[in-house]
Amino acid sequence: MNIVPHIAKGARHTIGSRIENKFLDLLELAYIAYFTEKDKKSEKISKCILVLDILKFFILVAWESKVISSRHFEEVATKLEEAGKMLGGWKNSLVNPEKKNRNL
């Protein structure tokens, strides 16, 4: 969310606010998914993944239209990619609970 202040004022209230709202939506959905019953958790995580993909799209559009710098794009894209891997792993652990990557 630290890229929104670096967006020009004209775009800050359009795509900038959409990006900020999607970040907040993602946080909210992840929180809800964490506390959801196990049988409904996969559905909530799928919604998180969808919001994350929309957020990636908005970030890409902002970068392609030169609203954010390449440095900010790279920084955020790396973090979003990592979050996507975490959400995917979380969902896969619910679908295949016996295939966890833990050696205990």
PDB file of N, CA and C in Angstrom:
ATOM      1  N   MET A   1       0.808  -1.192   0.000  1.00  0.00           N
ATOM      2  CA  MET A   1       0.000   0.000   0.000  1.00  0.00           C
ATOM      3  C   MET A   1       0.854   1.259   0.000  1.00  0.00           C
ATOM      4  N   ASN A   2       2.163   1.096   0.101  1.00  0.00           N
ATOM      5  CA  ASN A   2       3.008   2.285   0.133  1.00  0.00           C
ATOM      6  C   ASN A   2       3.213   2.899  -1.245  1.00  0.00           C
ATOM      7  N   ILE A   3       2.641   2.309  -2.300  1.00  0.00           N
ATOM      8  CA  ILE A   3       2.800   2.910  -3.625  1.00  0.00           C
ATOM      9  C   ILE A   3       1.762   3.984  -3.903  1.00  0.00           C
ATOM     10  N   VAL A   4       0.622   3.940  -3.229  1.00  0.00           N
ATOM     11  CA  VAL A   4      -0.460   4.884  -3.518  1.00  0.00           C
ATOM     12  C   VAL A   4      -0.040   6.337  -3.312  1.00  0.00           C
ATOM     13  N   PRO A   5       0.722   6.690  -2.270  1.00  0.00           N
ATOM     14  CA  PRO A   5       1.145   8.088  -2.144  1.00  0.00           C
ATOM     15  C   PRO A   5       2.059   8.553  -3.284  1.00  0.00           C
ATOM     16  N   HIS A   6       2.691   7.619  -3.990  1.00  0.00           N
ATOM     17  CA  HIS A   6       3.595   7.970  -5.082  1.00  0.00           C
ATOM     18  C   HIS A   6       2.874   8.109  -6.417  1.00  0.00           C
ATOM     19  N   ILE A   7       1.588   7.839  -6.435  1.00  0.00           N
ATOM     20  CA  ILE A   7       0.797   7.968  -7.655  1.00  0.00           C
ATOM     21  C   ILE A   7       0.393   9.429  -7.814  1.00  0.00           C
ATOM     22  N   ALA A   8       0.417   9.920  -9.048  1.00  0.00           N
ATOM     23  CA  ALA A   8       0.028  11.303  -9.323  1.00  0.00           C
ATOM     24  C   ALA A   8      -1.396  11.558  -8.842  1.00  0.00           C
ATOM     25  N   LYS A   9      -1.662  12.793  -8.424  1.00  0.00           N
ATOM     26  CA  LYS A   9      -2.970  13.115  -7.843  1.00  0.00           C
ATOM     27  C   LYS A   9      -4.137  12.762  -8.745  1.00  0.00           C
ATOM     28  N   GLY A  10      -3.999  12.956 -10.046  1.00  0.00           N
ATOM     29  CA  GLY A  10      -5.091  12.656 -10.970  1.00  0.00           C
ATOM     30  C   GLY A  10      -5.473  11.189 -10.976  1.00  0.00           C
ATOM     31  N   ALA A  11      -4.491  10.313 -10.833  1.00  0.00           N
ATOM     32  CA  ALA A  11      -4.753   8.866 -10.844  1.00  0.00           C
ATOM     33  C   ALA A  11      -4.925   8.297  -9.439  1.00  0.00           C
ATOM     34  N   ARG A  12      -4.531   9.059  -8.440  1.00  0.00           N
ATOM     35  CA  ARG A  12      -4.599   8.565  -7.054  1.00  0.00           C
ATOM     36  C   ARG A  12      -6.032   8.282  -6.626  1.00  0.00           C
ATOM     37  N   HIS A  13      -6.957   9.076  -7.130  1.00  0.00           N
ATOM     38  CA  HIS A  13      -8.350   8.909  -6.714  1.00  0.00           C
ATOM     39  C   HIS A  13      -9.131   7.976  -7.630  1.00  0.00           C
ATOM     40  N   THR A  14      -8.480   7.452  -8.650  1.00  0.00           N
ATOM     41  CA  THR A  14      -9.137   6.483  -9.531  1.00  0.00           C
ATOM     42  C   THR A  14      -8.487   5.123  -9.328  1.00  0.00           C
ATOM     43  N   ILE A  15      -7.458   4.834 -10.099  1.00  0.00           N
ATOM     44  CA  ILE A  15      -6.821   3.518  -9.984  1.00  0.00           C
ATOM     45  C   ILE A  15      -6.094   3.367  -8.649  1.00  0.00           C
ATOM     46  N   GLY A  16      -5.575   4.455  -8.114  1.00  0.00           N
ATOM     47  CA  GLY A  16      -4.899   4.394  -6.817  1.00  0.00           C
ATOM     48  C   GLY A  16      -5.824   3.952  -5.702  1.00  0.00           C
ATOM     49  N   SER A  17      -7.025   4.496  -5.690  1.00  0.00           N
ATOM     50  CA  SER A  17      -7.974   4.096  -4.647  1.00  0.00           C
ATOM     51  C   SER A  17      -8.479   2.676  -4.874  1.00  0.00           C
ATOM     52  N   ARG A  18      -8.594   2.264  -6.140  1.00  0.00           N
ATOM     53  CA  ARG A  18      -9.004   0.874  -6.428  1.00  0.00           C
ATOM     54  C   ARG A  18      -7.949  -0.109  -5.924  1.00  0.00           C
ATOM     55  N   ILE A  19      -6.682   0.230  -6.153  1.00  0.00           N
ATOM     56  CA  ILE A  19      -5.591  -0.627  -5.680  1.00  0.00           C
ATOM     57  C   ILE A  19      -5.608  -0.696  -4.159  1.00  0.00           C
ATOM     58  N   GLU A  20      -5.745   0.440  -3.523  1.00  0.00           N
ATOM     59  CA  GLU A  20      -5.778   0.480  -2.061  1.00  0.00           C
ATOM     60  C   GLU A  20      -6.955  -0.325  -1.511  1.00  0.00           C
ATOM     61  N   ASN A  21      -8.126  -0.177  -2.128  1.00  0.00           N
ATOM     62  CA  ASN A  21      -9.305  -0.918  -1.675  1.00  0.00           C
ATOM     63  C   ASN A  21      -9.143  -2.424  -1.878  1.00  0.00           C
ATOM     64  N   LYS A  22      -8.511  -2.824  -2.980  1.00  0.00           N
ATOM     65  CA  LYS A  22      -8.292  -4.258  -3.213  1.00  0.00           C
ATOM     66  C   LYS A  22      -7.323  -4.836  -2.191  1.00  0.00           C
ATOM     67  N   PHE A  23      -6.297  -4.075  -1.821  1.00  0.00           N
ATOM     68  CA  PHE A  23      -5.402  -4.525  -0.752  1.00  0.00           C
ATOM     69  C   PHE A  23      -6.186  -4.765   0.536  1.00  0.00           C
ATOM     70  N   LEU A  24      -7.025  -3.814   0.879  1.00  0.00           N
ATOM     71  CA  LEU A  24      -7.824  -3.942   2.104  1.00  0.00           C
ATOM     72  C   LEU A  24      -8.827  -5.086   1.997  1.00  0.00           C
ATOM     73  N   ASP A  25      -9.433  -5.259   0.827  1.00  0.00           N
ATOM     74  CA  ASP A  25     -10.355  -6.382   0.618  1.00  0.00           C
ATOM     75  C   ASP A  25      -9.632  -7.715   0.795  1.00  0.00           C
ATOM     76  N   LEU A  26      -8.417  -7.795   0.278  1.00  0.00           N
ATOM     77  CA  LEU A  26      -7.630  -9.020   0.404  1.00  0.00           C
ATOM     78  C   LEU A  26      -7.313  -9.317   1.865  1.00  0.00           C
ATOM     79  N   LEU A  27      -6.923  -8.306   2.606  1.00  0.00           N
ATOM     80  CA  LEU A  27      -6.659  -8.500   4.036  1.00  0.00           C
ATOM     81  C   LEU A  27      -7.903  -8.982   4.777  1.00  0.00           C
ATOM     82  N   GLU A  28      -9.026  -8.359   4.471  1.00  0.00           N
ATOM     83  CA  GLU A  28     -10.280  -8.732   5.112  1.00  0.00           C
ATOM     84  C   GLU A  28     -10.669 -10.167   4.779  1.00  0.00           C
ATOM     85  N   LEU A  29     -10.573 -10.541   3.507  1.00  0.00           N
ATOM     86  CA  LEU A  29     -10.944 -11.896   3.104  1.00  0.00           C
ATOM     87  C   LEU A  29     -10.012 -12.947   3.703  1.00  0.00           C
ATOM     88  N   ALA A  30      -8.721 -12.629   3.787  1.00  0.00           N
ATOM     89  CA  ALA A  30      -7.776 -13.570   4.392  1.00  0.00           C
ATOM     90  C   ALA A  30      -8.090 -13.765   5.869  1.00  0.00           C
ATOM     91  N   TYR A  31      -8.448 -12.695   6.543  1.00  0.00           N
ATOM     92  CA  TYR A  31      -8.832 -12.783   7.955  1.00  0.00           C
ATOM     93  C   TYR A  31     -10.088 -13.646   8.120  1.00  0.00           C
ATOM     94  N   ILE A  32     -11.066 -13.407   7.258  1.00  0.00           N
ATOM     95  CA  ILE A  32     -12.304 -14.198   7.305  1.00  0.00           C
ATOM     96  C   ILE A  32     -12.002 -15.664   7.016  1.00  0.00           C
ATOM     97  N   ALA A  33     -11.156 -15.931   6.014  1.00  0.00           N
ATOM     98  CA  ALA A  33     -10.820 -17.314   5.663  1.00  0.00           C
ATOM     99  C   ALA A  33     -10.135 -18.025   6.817  1.00  0.00           C
ATOM    100  N   TYR A  34      -9.284 -17.313   7.531  1.00  0.00           N
ATOM    101  CA  TYR A  34      -8.556 -17.920   8.644  1.00  0.00           C
ATOM    102  C   TYR A  34      -9.512 -18.431   9.728  1.00  0.00           C
ATOM    103  N   PHE A  35     -10.599 -17.699   9.969  1.00  0.00           N
ATOM    104  CA  PHE A  35     -11.518 -18.064  11.031  1.00  0.00           C
ATOM    105  C   PHE A  35     -12.778 -18.787  10.548  1.00  0.00           C
ATOM    106  N   THR A  36     -12.819 -19.158   9.284  1.00  0.00           N
ATOM    107  CA  THR A  36     -13.966 -19.875   8.737  1.00  0.00           C
ATOM    108  C   THR A  36     -13.853 -21.358   9.068  1.00  0.00           C
ATOM    109  N   GLU A  37     -15.017 -22.028   9.140  1.00  0.00           N
ATOM    110  CA  GLU A  37     -15.008 -23.471   9.394  1.00  0.00           C
ATOM    111  C   GLU A  37     -14.233 -24.180   8.291  1.00  0.00           C
ATOM    112  N   LYS A  38     -13.646 -25.313   8.641  1.00  0.00           N
ATOM    113  CA  LYS A  38     -12.757 -26.022   7.728  1.00  0.00           C
ATOM    114  C   LYS A  38     -13.436 -26.414   6.414  1.00  0.00           C
ATOM    115  N   ASP A  39     -14.711 -26.779   6.442  1.00  0.00           N
ATOM    116  CA  ASP A  39     -15.387 -27.226   5.226  1.00  0.00           C
ATOM    117  C   ASP A  39     -15.670 -26.076   4.252  1.00  0.00           C
ATOM    118  N   LYS A  40     -15.656 -24.829   4.719  1.00  0.00           N
ATOM    119  CA  LYS A  40     -15.913 -23.670   3.858  1.00  0.00           C
ATOM    120  C   LYS A  40     -14.650 -22.851   3.590  1.00  0.00           C
ATOM    121  N   LYS A  41     -13.553 -23.248   4.188  1.00  0.00           N
ATOM    122  CA  LYS A  41     -12.311 -22.480   4.100  1.00  0.00           C
ATOM    123  C   LYS A  41     -11.761 -22.410   2.681  1.00  0.00           C
ATOM    124  N   SER A  42     -11.859 -23.508   1.934  1.00  0.00           N
ATOM    125  CA  SER A  42     -11.336 -23.541   0.569  1.00  0.00           C
ATOM    126  C   SER A  42     -12.040 -22.523  -0.329  1.00  0.00           C
ATOM    127  N   GLU A  43     -13.337 -22.379  -0.147  1.00  0.00           N
ATOM    128  CA  GLU A  43     -14.107 -21.396  -0.922  1.00  0.00           C
ATOM    129  C   GLU A  43     -13.646 -19.972  -0.612  1.00  0.00           C
ATOM    130  N   LYS A  44     -13.409 -19.681   0.652  1.00  0.00           N
ATOM    131  CA  LYS A  44     -12.961 -18.345   1.054  1.00  0.00           C
ATOM    132  C   LYS A  44     -11.552 -18.056   0.520  1.00  0.00           C
ATOM    133  N   ILE A  45     -10.688 -19.070   0.533  1.00  0.00           N
ATOM    134  CA  ILE A  45      -9.336 -18.888   0.011  1.00  0.00           C
ATOM    135  C   ILE A  45      -9.385 -18.653  -1.496  1.00  0.00           C
ATOM    136  N   SER A  46     -10.300 -19.320  -2.186  1.00  0.00           N
ATOM    137  CA  SER A  46     -10.464 -19.084  -3.621  1.00  0.00           C
ATOM    138  C   SER A  46     -10.863 -17.638  -3.892  1.00  0.00           C
ATOM    139  N   LYS A  47     -11.696 -17.067  -3.037  1.00  0.00           N
ATOM    140  CA  LYS A  47     -12.068 -15.657  -3.179  1.00  0.00           C
ATOM    141  C   LYS A  47     -10.856 -14.765  -2.951  1.00  0.00           C
ATOM    142  N   CYS A  48     -10.011 -15.128  -1.993  1.00  0.00           N
ATOM    143  CA  CYS A  48      -8.779 -14.371  -1.749  1.00  0.00           C
ATOM    144  C   CYS A  48      -7.887 -14.397  -2.995  1.00  0.00           C
ATOM    145  N   ILE A  49      -7.765 -15.560  -3.604  1.00  0.00           N
ATOM    146  CA  ILE A  49      -6.934 -15.697  -4.796  1.00  0.00           C
ATOM    147  C   ILE A  49      -7.491 -14.851  -5.934  1.00  0.00           C
ATOM    148  N   LEU A  50      -8.813 -14.813  -6.072  1.00  0.00           N
ATOM    149  CA  LEU A  50      -9.441 -13.992  -7.104  1.00  0.00           C
ATOM    150  C   LEU A  50      -9.154 -12.505  -6.871  1.00  0.00           C
ATOM    151  N   VAL A  51      -9.297 -12.039  -5.646  1.00  0.00           N
ATOM    152  CA  VAL A  51      -9.020 -10.634  -5.331  1.00  0.00           C
ATOM    153  C   VAL A  51      -7.539 -10.328  -5.561  1.00  0.00           C
ATOM    154  N   LEU A  52      -6.665 -11.263  -5.221  1.00  0.00           N
ATOM    155  CA  LEU A  52      -5.240 -11.073  -5.451  1.00  0.00           C
ATOM    156  C   LEU A  52      -4.947 -10.936  -6.948  1.00  0.00           C
ATOM    157  N   ASP A  53      -5.594 -11.760  -7.764  1.00  0.00           N
ATOM    158  CA  ASP A  53      -5.405 -11.671  -9.212  1.00  0.00           C
ATOM    159  C   ASP A  53      -5.906 -10.340  -9.765  1.00  0.00           C
ATOM    160  N   ILE A  54      -7.021  -9.850  -9.251  1.00  0.00           N
ATOM    161  CA  ILE A  54      -7.537  -8.541  -9.671  1.00  0.00           C
ATOM    162  C   ILE A  54      -6.560  -7.441  -9.251  1.00  0.00           C
ATOM    163  N   LEU A  55      -6.019  -7.571  -8.063  1.00  0.00           N
ATOM    164  CA  LEU A  55      -5.040  -6.594  -7.576  1.00  0.00           C
ATOM    165  C   LEU A  55      -3.801  -6.587  -8.470  1.00  0.00           C
ATOM    166  N   LYS A  56      -3.322  -7.770  -8.849  1.00  0.00           N
ATOM    167  CA  LYS A  56      -2.179  -7.854  -9.761  1.00  0.00           C
ATOM    168  C   LYS A  56      -2.497  -7.168 -11.088  1.00  0.00           C
ATOM    169  N   PHE A  57      -3.712  -7.350 -11.563  1.00  0.00           N
ATOM    170  CA  PHE A  57      -4.133  -6.715 -12.813  1.00  0.00           C
ATOM    171  C   PHE A  57      -4.099  -5.195 -12.694  1.00  0.00           C
ATOM    172  N   PHE A  58      -4.650  -4.652 -11.610  1.00  0.00           N
ATOM    173  CA  PHE A  58      -4.650  -3.203 -11.412  1.00  0.00           C
ATOM    174  C   PHE A  58      -3.231  -2.647 -11.301  1.00  0.00           C
ATOM    175  N   ILE A  59      -2.361  -3.364 -10.628  1.00  0.00           N
ATOM    176  CA  ILE A  59      -0.971  -2.941 -10.507  1.00  0.00           C
ATOM    177  C   ILE A  59      -0.311  -2.930 -11.886  1.00  0.00           C
ATOM    178  N   LEU A  60      -0.587  -3.951 -12.681  1.00  0.00           N
ATOM    179  CA  LEU A  60      -0.032  -4.020 -14.031  1.00  0.00           C
ATOM    180  C   LEU A  60      -0.537  -2.867 -14.901  1.00  0.00           C
ATOM    181  N   VAL A  61      -1.830  -2.586 -14.806  1.00  0.00           N
ATOM    182  CA  VAL A  61      -2.400  -1.469 -15.564  1.00  0.00           C
ATOM    183  C   VAL A  61      -1.770  -0.152 -15.132  1.00  0.00           C
ATOM    184  N   ALA A  62      -1.578   0.027 -13.841  1.00  0.00           N
ATOM    185  CA  ALA A  62      -0.959   1.256 -13.340  1.00  0.00           C
ATOM    186  C   ALA A  62       0.469   1.391 -13.850  1.00  0.00           C
ATOM    187  N   TRP A  63       1.195   0.292 -13.898  1.00  0.00           N
ATOM    188  CA  TRP A  63       2.566   0.331 -14.387  1.00  0.00           C
ATOM    189  C   TRP A  63       2.613   0.599 -15.892  1.00  0.00           C
ATOM    190  N   GLU A  64       1.748  -0.086 -16.654  1.00  0.00           N
ATOM    191  CA  GLU A  64       1.742   0.097 -18.107  1.00  0.00           C
ATOM    192  C   GLU A  64       1.318   1.507 -18.505  1.00  0.00           C
ATOM    193  N   SER A  65       0.475   2.124 -17.709  1.00  0.00           N
ATOM    194  CA  SER A  65       0.063   3.499 -18.011  1.00  0.00           C
ATOM    195  C   SER A  65       0.993   4.524 -17.359  1.00  0.00           C
ATOM    196  N   LYS A  66       2.110   4.033 -16.809  1.00  0.00           N
ATOM    197  CA  LYS A  66       3.154   4.873 -16.210  1.00  0.00           C
ATOM    198  C   LYS A  66       2.663   5.692 -15.020  1.00  0.00           C
ATOM    199  N   VAL A  67       1.696   5.144 -14.311  1.00  0.00           N
ATOM    200  CA  VAL A  67       1.203   5.786 -13.093  1.00  0.00           C
ATOM    201  C   VAL A  67       2.121   5.457 -11.922  1.00  0.00           C
ATOM    202  N   ILE A  68       2.715   4.245 -11.947  1.00  0.00           N
ATOM    203  CA  ILE A  68       3.703   3.873 -10.933  1.00  0.00           C
ATOM    204  C   ILE A  68       5.021   3.562 -11.631  1.00  0.00           C
ATOM    205  N   SER A  69       6.093   3.707 -10.903  1.00  0.00           N
ATOM    206  CA  SER A  69       7.428   3.488 -11.475  1.00  0.00           C
ATOM    207  C   SER A  69       7.717   1.985 -11.580  1.00  0.00           C
ATOM    208  N   SER A  70       8.711   1.675 -12.370  1.00  0.00           N
ATOM    209  CA  SER A  70       9.125   0.272 -12.520  1.00  0.00           C
ATOM    210  C   SER A  70       9.621  -0.295 -11.200  1.00  0.00           C
ATOM    211  N   ARG A  71      10.292   0.542 -10.429  1.00  0.00           N
ATOM    212  CA  ARG A  71      10.794   0.080  -9.119  1.00  0.00           C
ATOM    213  C   ARG A  71       9.643  -0.296  -8.194  1.00  0.00           C
ATOM    214  N   HIS A  72       8.615   0.549  -8.137  1.00  0.00           N
ATOM    215  CA  HIS A  72       7.459   0.240  -7.293  1.00  0.00           C
ATOM    216  C   HIS A  72       6.720  -0.991  -7.819  1.00  0.00           C
ATOM    217  N   PHE A  73       6.587  -1.078  -9.135  1.00  0.00           N
ATOM    218  CA  PHE A  73       5.915  -2.233  -9.727  1.00  0.00           C
ATOM    219  C   PHE A  73       6.640  -3.526  -9.369  1.00  0.00           C
ATOM    220  N   GLU A  74       7.946  -3.528  -9.533  1.00  0.00           N
ATOM    221  CA  GLU A  74       8.725  -4.732  -9.240  1.00  0.00           C
ATOM    222  C   GLU A  74       8.615  -5.126  -7.768  1.00  0.00           C
ATOM    223  N   GLU A  75       8.691  -4.137  -6.902  1.00  0.00           N
ATOM    224  CA  GLU A  75       8.606  -4.385  -5.461  1.00  0.00           C
ATOM    225  C   GLU A  75       7.255  -5.009  -5.090  1.00  0.00           C
ATOM    226  N   VAL A  76       6.176  -4.405  -5.596  1.00  0.00           N
ATOM    227  CA  VAL A  76       4.834  -4.889  -5.258  1.00  0.00           C
ATOM    228  C   VAL A  76       4.551  -6.224  -5.939  1.00  0.00           C
ATOM    229  N   ALA A  77       4.967  -6.368  -7.197  1.00  0.00           N
ATOM    230  CA  ALA A  77       4.707  -7.610  -7.929  1.00  0.00           C
ATOM    231  C   ALA A  77       5.380  -8.799  -7.246  1.00  0.00           C
ATOM    232  N   THR A  78       6.582  -8.596  -6.729  1.00  0.00           N
ATOM    233  CA  THR A  78       7.289  -9.662  -6.019  1.00  0.00           C
ATOM    234  C   THR A  78       6.525 -10.080  -4.765  1.00  0.00           C
ATOM    235  N   LYS A  79       6.048  -9.108  -4.024  1.00  0.00           N
ATOM    236  CA  LYS A  79       5.302  -9.411  -2.797  1.00  0.00           C
ATOM    237  C   LYS A  79       3.961 -10.075  -3.105  1.00  0.00           C
ATOM    238  N   LEU A  80       3.301  -9.628  -4.170  1.00  0.00           N
ATOM    239  CA  LEU A  80       2.021 -10.239  -4.545  1.00  0.00           C
ATOM    240  C   LEU A  80       2.224 -11.668  -5.029  1.00  0.00           C
ATOM    241  N   GLU A  81       3.323 -11.913  -5.728  1.00  0.00           N
ATOM    242  CA  GLU A  81       3.632 -13.268  -6.185  1.00  0.00           C
ATOM    243  C   GLU A  81       3.847 -14.197  -4.990  1.00  0.00           C
ATOM    244  N   GLU A  82       4.549 -13.707  -4.002  1.00  0.00           N
ATOM    245  CA  GLU A  82       4.785 -14.492  -2.780  1.00  0.00           C
ATOM    246  C   GLU A  82       3.465 -14.771  -2.055  1.00  0.00           C
ATOM    247  N   ALA A  83       2.606 -13.763  -1.975  1.00  0.00           N
ATOM    248  CA  ALA A  83       1.302 -13.943  -1.334  1.00  0.00           C
ATOM    249  C   ALA A  83       0.470 -14.960  -2.104  1.00  0.00           C
ATOM    250  N   GLY A  84       0.561 -14.939  -3.429  1.00  0.00           N
ATOM    251  CA  GLY A  84      -0.159 -15.915  -4.250  1.00  0.00           C
ATOM    252  C   GLY A  84       0.311 -17.339  -3.985  1.00  0.00           C
ATOM    253  N   LYS A  85       1.616 -17.506  -3.834  1.00  0.00           N
ATOM    254  CA  LYS A  85       2.158 -18.833  -3.517  1.00  0.00           C
ATOM    255  C   LYS A  85       1.666 -19.303  -2.155  1.00  0.00           C
ATOM    256  N   MET A  86       1.611 -18.384  -1.203  1.00  0.00           N
ATOM    257  CA  MET A  86       1.127 -18.740   0.140  1.00  0.00           C
ATOM    258  C   MET A  86      -0.340 -19.154   0.106  1.00  0.00           C
ATOM    259  N   LEU A  87      -1.157 -18.373  -0.609  1.00  0.00           N
ATOM    260  CA  LEU A  87      -2.577 -18.701  -0.698  1.00  0.00           C
ATOM    261  C   LEU A  87      -2.789 -20.016  -1.438  1.00  0.00           C
ATOM    262  N   GLY A  88      -2.033 -20.233  -2.513  1.00  0.00           N
ATOM    263  CA  GLY A  88      -2.128 -21.494  -3.247  1.00  0.00           C
ATOM    264  C   GLY A  88      -1.726 -22.679  -2.391  1.00  0.00           C
ATOM    265  N   GLY A  89      -0.671 -22.519  -1.621  1.00  0.00           N
ATOM    266  CA  GLY A  89      -0.240 -23.582  -0.710  1.00  0.00           C
ATOM    267  C   GLY A  89      -1.265 -23.854   0.370  1.00  0.00           C
ATOM    268  N   TRP A  90      -1.878 -22.793   0.878  1.00  0.00           N
ATOM    269  CA  TRP A  90      -2.914 -22.936   1.901  1.00  0.00           C
ATOM    270  C   TRP A  90      -4.098 -23.714   1.340  1.00  0.00           C
ATOM    271  N   LYS A  91      -4.504 -23.359   0.133  1.00  0.00           N
ATOM    272  CA  LYS A  91      -5.632 -24.045  -0.495  1.00  0.00           C
ATOM    273  C   LYS A  91      -5.292 -25.504  -0.790  1.00  0.00           C
ATOM    274  N   ASN A  92      -4.085 -25.751  -1.300  1.00  0.00           N
ATOM    275  CA  ASN A  92      -3.680 -27.132  -1.593  1.00  0.00           C
ATOM    276  C   ASN A  92      -3.592 -27.979  -0.338  1.00  0.00           C
ATOM    277  N   SER A  93      -3.190 -27.381   0.777  1.00  0.00           N
ATOM    278  CA  SER A  93      -3.108 -28.149   2.024  1.00  0.00           C
ATOM    279  C   SER A  93      -4.496 -28.548   2.525  1.00  0.00           C
ATOM    280  N   LEU A  94      -5.516 -27.775   2.150  1.00  0.00           N
ATOM    281  CA  LEU A  94      -6.885 -28.143   2.537  1.00  0.00           C
ATOM    282  C   LEU A  94      -7.441 -29.224   1.614  1.00  0.00           C
ATOM    283  N   VAL A  95      -7.069 -29.158   0.338  1.00  0.00           N
ATOM    284  CA  VAL A  95      -7.560 -30.136  -0.640  1.00  0.00           C
ATOM    285  C   VAL A  95      -6.877 -31.481  -0.428  1.00  0.00           C
ATOM    286  N   ASN A  96      -5.570 -31.461  -0.191  1.00  0.00           N
ATOM    287  CA  ASN A  96      -4.793 -32.693   0.027  1.00  0.00           C
ATOM    288  C   ASN A  96      -4.080 -32.617   1.375  1.00  0.00           C
ATOM    289  N   PRO A  97      -4.782 -32.880   2.474  1.00  0.00           N
ATOM    290  CA  PRO A  97      -4.154 -32.696   3.787  1.00  0.00           C
ATOM    291  C   PRO A  97      -2.994 -33.668   4.050  1.00  0.00           C
ATOM    292  N   GLU A  98      -2.957 -34.805   3.361  1.00  0.00           N
ATOM    293  CA  GLU A  98      -1.875 -35.762   3.582  1.00  0.00           C
ATOM    294  C   GLU A  98      -0.596 -35.400   2.843  1.00  0.00           C
ATOM    295  N   LYS A  99      -0.633 -34.391   1.969  1.00  0.00           N
ATOM    296  CA  LYS A  99       0.529 -34.006   1.161  1.00  0.00           C
ATOM    297  C   LYS A  99       1.191 -32.741   1.693  1.00  0.00           C
ATOM    298  N   LYS A 100       1.236 -32.560   2.960  1.00  0.00           N
ATOM    299  CA  LYS A 100       1.889 -31.377   3.523  1.00  0.00           C
ATOM    300  C   LYS A 100       3.389 -31.519   3.414  1.00  0.00           C
ATOM    301  N   ASN A 101       4.076 -30.406   3.226  1.00  0.00           N
ATOM    302  CA  ASN A 101       5.533 -30.394   3.090  1.00  0.00           C
ATOM    303  C   ASN A 101       6.217 -30.254   4.435  1.00  0.00           C
ATOM    304  N   ARG A 102       5.772 -30.991   5.386  1.00  0.00           N
ATOM    305  CA  ARG A 102       6.367 -30.888   6.719  1.00  0.00           C
ATOM    306  C   ARG A 102       7.011 -32.210   7.083  1.00  0.00           C
ATOM    307  N   ASN A 103       8.200 -32.124   7.602  1.00  0.00           N
ATOM    308  CA  ASN A 103       8.894 -33.297   8.099  1.00  0.00           C
ATOM    309  C   ASN A 103       9.032 -33.164   9.608  1.00  0.00           C
ATOM    310  N   LEU A 104       8.099 -33.734  10.323  1.00  0.00           N
ATOM    311  CA  LEU A 104       8.123 -33.612  11.785  1.00  0.00           C
ATOM    312  C   LEU A 104       8.583 -34.888  12.412  1.00  0.00           C
TER     313      LEU A 104
END
